[in-house]
Structures are given as C-alpha cells and as structure tokens.
N, C-alpha and C. Protein backbone atom coordinates (compact mmCIF):
# COMPACT_ATOMS: atom_id res chain seq x y z
N UNK A 1 -26.70 -74.29 193.55
CA UNK A 1 -27.07 -74.05 192.52
C UNK A 1 -27.63 -72.53 192.88
N UNK A 2 -26.86 -71.66 192.35
CA UNK A 2 -26.73 -69.86 192.38
C UNK A 2 -26.95 -69.18 190.92
N UNK A 3 -28.84 -68.55 191.06
CA UNK A 3 -29.49 -68.11 189.92
C UNK A 3 -28.90 -66.63 190.39
N UNK A 4 -28.55 -65.87 189.21
CA UNK A 4 -28.12 -64.19 189.35
C UNK A 4 -28.81 -63.40 188.48
N UNK A 5 -29.17 -62.26 188.62
CA UNK A 5 -29.72 -61.74 187.41
C UNK A 5 -28.89 -60.31 187.20
N UNK A 6 -27.98 -60.29 186.16
CA UNK A 6 -26.95 -59.67 185.30
C UNK A 6 -27.97 -59.10 184.16
N UNK A 7 -28.38 -57.85 183.99
CA UNK A 7 -28.97 -57.08 183.63
C UNK A 7 -29.86 -57.52 182.41
N UNK A 8 -30.80 -58.21 183.54
CA UNK A 8 -32.05 -58.68 182.18
C UNK A 8 -32.25 -59.74 181.75
N UNK A 9 -30.67 -60.61 181.91
CA UNK A 9 -30.49 -61.90 181.65
C UNK A 9 -30.26 -63.46 182.89
N UNK A 10 -30.57 -64.60 183.03
CA UNK A 10 -30.62 -64.64 184.30
C UNK A 10 -29.49 -65.56 184.14
N UNK A 11 -28.33 -65.91 184.86
CA UNK A 11 -27.30 -66.34 184.83
C UNK A 11 -27.31 -67.38 185.24
N UNK A 12 -27.26 -68.58 185.33
CA UNK A 12 -26.96 -70.28 186.29
C UNK A 12 -25.80 -70.63 186.20
N UNK A 13 -25.09 -70.61 187.25
CA UNK A 13 -23.50 -71.27 187.26
C UNK A 13 -22.57 -70.49 185.95
N UNK A 14 -23.10 -69.80 185.49
CA UNK A 14 -21.99 -69.33 184.28
C UNK A 14 -22.85 -70.18 183.17
N UNK A 15 -23.27 -70.54 182.68
CA UNK A 15 -24.01 -71.16 181.27
C UNK A 15 -24.38 -70.57 180.41
N UNK A 16 -25.04 -69.83 180.67
CA UNK A 16 -25.40 -68.37 179.77
C UNK A 16 -24.48 -67.75 179.09
N UNK A 17 -23.66 -67.72 179.92
CA UNK A 17 -21.92 -66.83 179.24
C UNK A 17 -21.29 -67.77 178.58
N UNK A 18 -21.48 -69.51 178.47
CA UNK A 18 -20.89 -70.41 177.61
C UNK A 18 -21.54 -70.84 176.59
N UNK A 19 -22.87 -70.46 176.67
CA UNK A 19 -23.57 -70.50 175.28
C UNK A 19 -23.21 -69.23 174.28
N UNK A 20 -23.21 -68.09 175.03
CA UNK A 20 -22.78 -67.09 174.09
C UNK A 20 -21.57 -67.02 173.30
N UNK A 21 -20.32 -68.20 174.66
CA UNK A 21 -19.38 -67.60 173.11
C UNK A 21 -19.01 -68.74 172.72
N UNK A 22 -20.22 -70.04 172.97
CA UNK A 22 -20.29 -71.16 172.14
C UNK A 22 -20.49 -70.36 170.38
N UNK A 23 -22.01 -70.13 171.28
CA UNK A 23 -22.62 -69.44 169.62
C UNK A 23 -21.42 -68.45 168.82
N UNK A 24 -20.87 -67.40 169.47
CA UNK A 24 -19.92 -66.70 168.58
C UNK A 24 -19.03 -67.49 168.15
N UNK A 25 -18.53 -68.47 168.83
CA UNK A 25 -17.31 -69.11 167.66
C UNK A 25 -17.61 -69.80 166.99
N UNK A 26 -19.58 -70.65 167.02
CA UNK A 26 -20.31 -71.51 165.97
C UNK A 26 -20.36 -70.25 164.70
N UNK A 27 -20.47 -69.22 165.23
CA UNK A 27 -20.70 -68.40 164.44
C UNK A 27 -19.04 -67.47 163.40
N UNK A 28 -18.21 -67.63 164.28
CA UNK A 28 -17.23 -67.22 163.53
C UNK A 28 -16.41 -68.48 162.52
N UNK A 29 -16.84 -69.79 163.03
CA UNK A 29 -16.60 -70.93 162.08
C UNK A 29 -17.40 -71.08 160.58
N UNK A 30 -18.67 -70.43 160.65
CA UNK A 30 -19.54 -70.86 159.86
C UNK A 30 -19.25 -69.57 158.99
N UNK A 31 -18.83 -68.33 159.32
CA UNK A 31 -18.25 -67.78 158.79
C UNK A 31 -16.63 -67.60 157.72
N UNK A 32 -16.71 -68.42 158.46
CA UNK A 32 -15.07 -69.05 157.85
C UNK A 32 -15.40 -69.79 157.23
N UNK A 33 -16.13 -70.89 157.13
CA UNK A 33 -16.33 -71.68 156.62
C UNK A 33 -17.14 -71.05 154.36
N UNK A 34 -17.67 -70.03 154.95
CA UNK A 34 -18.87 -69.86 153.97
C UNK A 34 -17.61 -68.95 152.93
N UNK A 35 -16.53 -68.07 153.61
CA UNK A 35 -15.75 -67.32 153.19
C UNK A 35 -14.85 -68.38 151.83
N UNK A 36 -13.88 -69.63 152.56
CA UNK A 36 -13.58 -70.48 152.19
C UNK A 36 -14.18 -71.11 151.23
N UNK A 37 -15.38 -71.16 151.23
CA UNK A 37 -16.26 -72.02 149.85
C UNK A 37 -16.47 -71.00 148.65
N UNK A 38 -16.25 -69.60 149.56
CA UNK A 38 -16.07 -68.59 148.52
C UNK A 38 -15.16 -68.30 147.59
N UNK A 39 -14.22 -68.88 148.19
CA UNK A 39 -13.09 -68.81 147.34
C UNK A 39 -13.02 -69.71 146.57
N UNK A 40 -13.05 -70.73 147.38
CA UNK A 40 -12.82 -72.03 146.18
C UNK A 40 -14.21 -72.18 144.60
N UNK A 41 -14.59 -71.34 145.29
CA UNK A 41 -16.59 -71.61 144.05
C UNK A 41 -15.23 -70.75 143.44
N UNK A 42 -14.82 -68.97 143.39
CA UNK A 42 -14.05 -68.41 142.48
C UNK A 42 -12.87 -68.95 141.99
N UNK A 43 -12.30 -69.67 142.34
CA UNK A 43 -11.31 -69.93 141.87
C UNK A 43 -11.46 -71.17 140.90
N UNK A 44 -12.69 -71.78 141.22
CA UNK A 44 -13.14 -73.23 140.10
C UNK A 44 -13.57 -72.07 139.24
N UNK A 45 -14.44 -71.04 139.61
CA UNK A 45 -15.47 -70.24 138.38
C UNK A 45 -13.95 -69.95 137.29
N UNK A 46 -12.63 -69.35 137.63
CA UNK A 46 -11.86 -68.88 137.52
C UNK A 46 -11.33 -69.81 135.93
N UNK A 47 -11.54 -71.56 137.00
CA UNK A 47 -10.19 -72.08 135.82
C UNK A 47 -11.54 -72.82 134.78
N UNK A 48 -12.58 -72.46 135.19
CA UNK A 48 -14.01 -73.00 134.36
C UNK A 48 -14.10 -72.12 132.70
N UNK A 49 -13.69 -70.42 133.40
CA UNK A 49 -13.90 -69.52 132.32
C UNK A 49 -12.55 -69.54 131.16
N UNK A 50 -10.95 -70.11 132.05
CA UNK A 50 -10.07 -70.65 131.05
C UNK A 50 -10.42 -71.82 130.56
N UNK A 51 -11.06 -72.60 130.99
CA UNK A 51 -11.68 -74.34 129.90
C UNK A 51 -12.72 -74.02 128.71
N UNK A 52 -13.36 -72.50 129.15
CA UNK A 52 -14.32 -72.81 128.02
C UNK A 52 -13.83 -71.30 127.35
N UNK A 53 -12.60 -70.76 127.08
CA UNK A 53 -11.94 -69.94 126.53
C UNK A 53 -11.03 -70.78 125.83
N UNK A 54 -10.43 -71.70 126.00
CA UNK A 54 -10.02 -72.63 125.48
C UNK A 54 -10.76 -73.64 124.42
N UNK A 55 -11.93 -73.69 124.62
CA UNK A 55 -12.49 -75.24 123.96
C UNK A 55 -13.33 -73.90 122.83
N UNK A 56 -13.23 -72.62 123.28
CA UNK A 56 -14.16 -71.70 122.03
C UNK A 56 -12.79 -71.64 120.55
N UNK A 57 -12.02 -71.78 121.01
CA UNK A 57 -10.79 -71.40 120.35
C UNK A 57 -10.16 -72.89 119.47
N UNK A 58 -10.58 -73.85 120.48
CA UNK A 58 -10.76 -74.89 119.34
C UNK A 58 -12.22 -75.21 118.66
N UNK A 59 -12.42 -74.90 119.11
CA UNK A 59 -14.09 -74.76 118.29
C UNK A 59 -13.88 -74.68 116.93
N UNK A 60 -13.08 -73.00 116.82
CA UNK A 60 -12.89 -72.16 115.40
C UNK A 60 -12.14 -72.96 114.86
N UNK A 61 -11.04 -73.89 115.91
CA UNK A 61 -10.33 -74.45 114.75
C UNK A 61 -11.00 -75.39 114.03
N UNK A 62 -11.97 -76.09 114.73
CA UNK A 62 -12.71 -77.25 114.07
C UNK A 62 -13.40 -76.89 112.98
N UNK A 63 -13.70 -75.70 113.30
CA UNK A 63 -14.65 -75.22 112.17
C UNK A 63 -13.88 -74.90 110.98
N UNK A 64 -12.71 -73.97 111.29
CA UNK A 64 -11.59 -73.93 109.77
C UNK A 64 -11.83 -74.97 109.01
N UNK A 65 -11.10 -76.12 109.71
CA UNK A 65 -10.83 -78.07 109.20
C UNK A 65 -11.46 -77.97 108.85
N UNK A 66 -12.78 -77.76 109.43
CA UNK A 66 -14.35 -78.71 108.04
C UNK A 66 -14.51 -77.59 106.68
N UNK A 67 -14.36 -76.03 106.91
CA UNK A 67 -14.32 -75.70 106.04
C UNK A 67 -13.40 -75.87 104.49
N UNK A 68 -12.27 -76.26 105.37
CA UNK A 68 -11.27 -76.88 104.33
C UNK A 68 -11.70 -78.16 103.42
N UNK A 69 -12.38 -78.96 104.69
CA UNK A 69 -12.22 -80.63 104.17
C UNK A 69 -13.24 -80.39 103.07
N UNK A 70 -14.70 -79.61 103.49
CA UNK A 70 -15.23 -79.37 102.31
C UNK A 70 -15.88 -78.59 101.28
N UNK A 71 -13.99 -77.79 101.06
CA UNK A 71 -13.60 -77.43 100.01
C UNK A 71 -12.90 -78.49 99.36
N UNK A 72 -12.12 -78.93 100.10
CA UNK A 72 -11.13 -80.47 98.93
C UNK A 72 -12.26 -81.43 98.68
N UNK A 73 -13.26 -81.14 99.93
CA UNK A 73 -14.41 -82.51 99.02
C UNK A 73 -14.73 -82.27 97.81
N UNK A 74 -15.38 -80.72 97.52
CA UNK A 74 -15.59 -80.52 95.99
C UNK A 74 -14.77 -80.39 95.17
N UNK A 75 -13.73 -79.92 95.31
CA UNK A 75 -12.89 -80.39 94.45
C UNK A 75 -12.69 -81.83 94.38
N UNK A 76 -12.03 -82.82 94.78
CA UNK A 76 -12.59 -83.96 94.69
C UNK A 76 -13.70 -84.37 93.60
N UNK A 77 -14.90 -83.68 93.91
CA UNK A 77 -16.45 -84.03 93.42
C UNK A 77 -16.18 -83.52 91.80
N UNK A 78 -15.38 -82.27 91.56
CA UNK A 78 -14.91 -81.97 90.29
C UNK A 78 -14.10 -82.71 89.16
N UNK A 79 -12.91 -83.02 90.25
CA UNK A 79 -12.36 -84.13 89.58
C UNK A 79 -13.05 -85.23 89.30
N UNK A 80 -13.77 -85.58 89.71
CA UNK A 80 -14.21 -86.96 89.36
C UNK A 80 -14.70 -86.82 88.62
N UNK A 81 -15.80 -85.75 88.00
CA UNK A 81 -16.83 -85.81 87.11
C UNK A 81 -15.92 -85.28 85.45
N UNK A 82 -15.00 -85.31 86.28
CA UNK A 82 -13.89 -84.71 85.05
C UNK A 82 -13.06 -85.51 84.60
N UNK A 83 -13.04 -87.07 85.60
CA UNK A 83 -12.12 -88.41 84.56
C UNK A 83 -13.78 -88.64 84.37
N UNK A 84 -14.69 -88.50 84.34
CA UNK A 84 -15.39 -89.12 83.84
C UNK A 84 -15.35 -88.45 82.05
N UNK A 85 -14.92 -88.26 81.58
CA UNK A 85 -15.37 -87.04 80.57
C UNK A 85 -14.21 -87.81 79.60
N UNK A 86 -14.73 -87.37 77.99
CA UNK A 86 -13.60 -87.59 76.62
C UNK A 86 -12.35 -87.28 77.51
N UNK A 87 -12.44 -86.19 77.33
CA UNK A 87 -11.34 -85.17 77.33
C UNK A 87 -10.16 -85.47 78.16
N UNK A 88 -10.61 -86.20 79.59
CA UNK A 88 -9.24 -86.94 80.49
C UNK A 88 -9.33 -88.36 79.72
N UNK A 89 -9.94 -88.76 79.36
CA UNK A 89 -9.29 -89.85 78.66
C UNK A 89 -8.74 -89.67 77.74
N UNK A 90 -8.87 -89.05 76.69
CA UNK A 90 -7.53 -88.58 75.65
C UNK A 90 -6.59 -87.81 76.63
N UNK A 91 -6.45 -86.85 77.96
CA UNK A 91 -5.31 -86.43 78.23
C UNK A 91 -4.82 -87.44 78.52
N UNK A 92 -5.44 -88.23 79.27
CA UNK A 92 -4.05 -89.54 79.85
C UNK A 92 -3.70 -90.08 79.07
N UNK A 93 -4.53 -90.30 77.63
CA UNK A 93 -3.89 -91.30 76.49
C UNK A 93 -2.59 -90.86 75.67
N UNK A 94 -2.77 -89.29 75.49
CA UNK A 94 -1.68 -88.42 74.76
C UNK A 94 -0.65 -88.29 76.26
N UNK A 95 -0.67 -87.66 77.61
CA UNK A 95 0.52 -87.41 77.94
C UNK A 95 1.11 -88.42 78.67
N UNK A 96 0.28 -89.93 79.84
CA UNK A 96 0.81 -90.41 79.90
C UNK A 96 1.11 -91.87 79.36
N UNK A 97 0.53 -91.94 78.26
CA UNK A 97 0.63 -93.48 77.29
C UNK A 97 1.26 -92.96 76.22
N UNK A 98 1.09 -92.08 75.69
CA UNK A 98 1.96 -91.38 74.42
C UNK A 98 1.16 -91.58 73.43
N UNK A 99 0.05 -92.03 73.17
CA UNK A 99 -1.01 -92.33 72.02
C UNK A 99 -1.44 -91.07 71.53
N UNK A 100 -1.84 -91.13 69.90
CA UNK A 100 -2.46 -89.88 68.80
C UNK A 100 -3.55 -91.15 68.32
N UNK A 101 -3.65 -90.46 67.34
CA UNK A 101 -4.99 -90.23 66.69
C UNK A 101 -4.17 -90.92 65.63
N UNK A 102 -5.07 -91.29 64.43
CA UNK A 102 -3.95 -92.48 63.69
C UNK A 102 -3.68 -90.52 62.33
N UNK A 103 -4.33 -90.09 62.25
CA UNK A 103 -4.36 -88.76 61.40
C UNK A 103 -3.50 -87.54 61.79
N UNK A 104 -2.89 -87.93 62.98
CA UNK A 104 -2.27 -86.59 63.55
C UNK A 104 -0.43 -87.23 63.63
N UNK A 105 -0.24 -86.04 63.25
CA UNK A 105 1.40 -86.26 63.14
C UNK A 105 2.25 -85.78 65.22
N UNK A 106 3.18 -86.28 65.07
CA UNK A 106 3.78 -85.72 66.34
C UNK A 106 5.55 -85.08 65.97
N UNK A 107 5.41 -84.28 66.69
CA UNK A 107 7.07 -83.39 66.58
C UNK A 107 7.42 -83.12 67.75
N UNK A 108 8.08 -83.88 68.31
CA UNK A 108 8.92 -84.39 69.01
C UNK A 108 10.14 -83.32 69.04
N UNK A 109 10.52 -82.11 69.85
CA UNK A 109 12.08 -81.80 70.22
C UNK A 109 13.09 -82.57 70.22
N UNK A 110 14.00 -81.84 69.48
CA UNK A 110 15.30 -83.18 69.59
C UNK A 110 15.68 -82.94 71.22
N UNK A 111 15.94 -83.75 71.84
CA UNK A 111 17.23 -83.70 72.88
C UNK A 111 18.69 -83.74 73.20
C-alpha cells in the first residue's frame, strides 16, 4: 500500500482521484436529470395552460347556453300563463275550430 501526499491531499493508490471523478459524474447526472425534469414540467405546464384556455372557452359557451335556456323558459312560462286566459280560449276557438259567438256575423272572402 503506497501513500502519497500531493497538494494537501492524501492519495491511497489513486482512490481519492477515482472518488473525485465519480463525484463529478454523479453531479453531472444529477444536473442532467434536473434539466430534463425542468423541461418535462415546462411542457406539461404549457399543455395545462392550453387545456385551461379550452375549458374557459367551453365555460363561456355553456354560460351563453344557460342564458338562452333561461330566456326560453321565461317565454314558455309567459305562454303558459296566456294559455290560462279567456282570450287564448277564444283565439283557439276562432282560428282552429272556426267557432263564433251567436250574435256575430262571419264575412269570409271569396276564393
């Protein structure tokens, strides 16, 4: 076993030099792994941002559809209330059934 003292370091058969090389290689692989991880996270974040924008557009479309449905519901409620009135019954009787009051005279154009 040979021991050498070089610039303040003890070398035992080159083991310290091997440890330094291994340490540099491990550090390089750790740095490379971190860089790859950063790239993967960056691309994943870009995909999530795009997905967020798509969902935002979809939410706006759904909000618009909801407003249209509310308007249609309101119109249907108004029509339902109208159907409960006497004037609706008269309109249906006149237009669809051709009925008239007994004291009315019907004048029809010639065809």
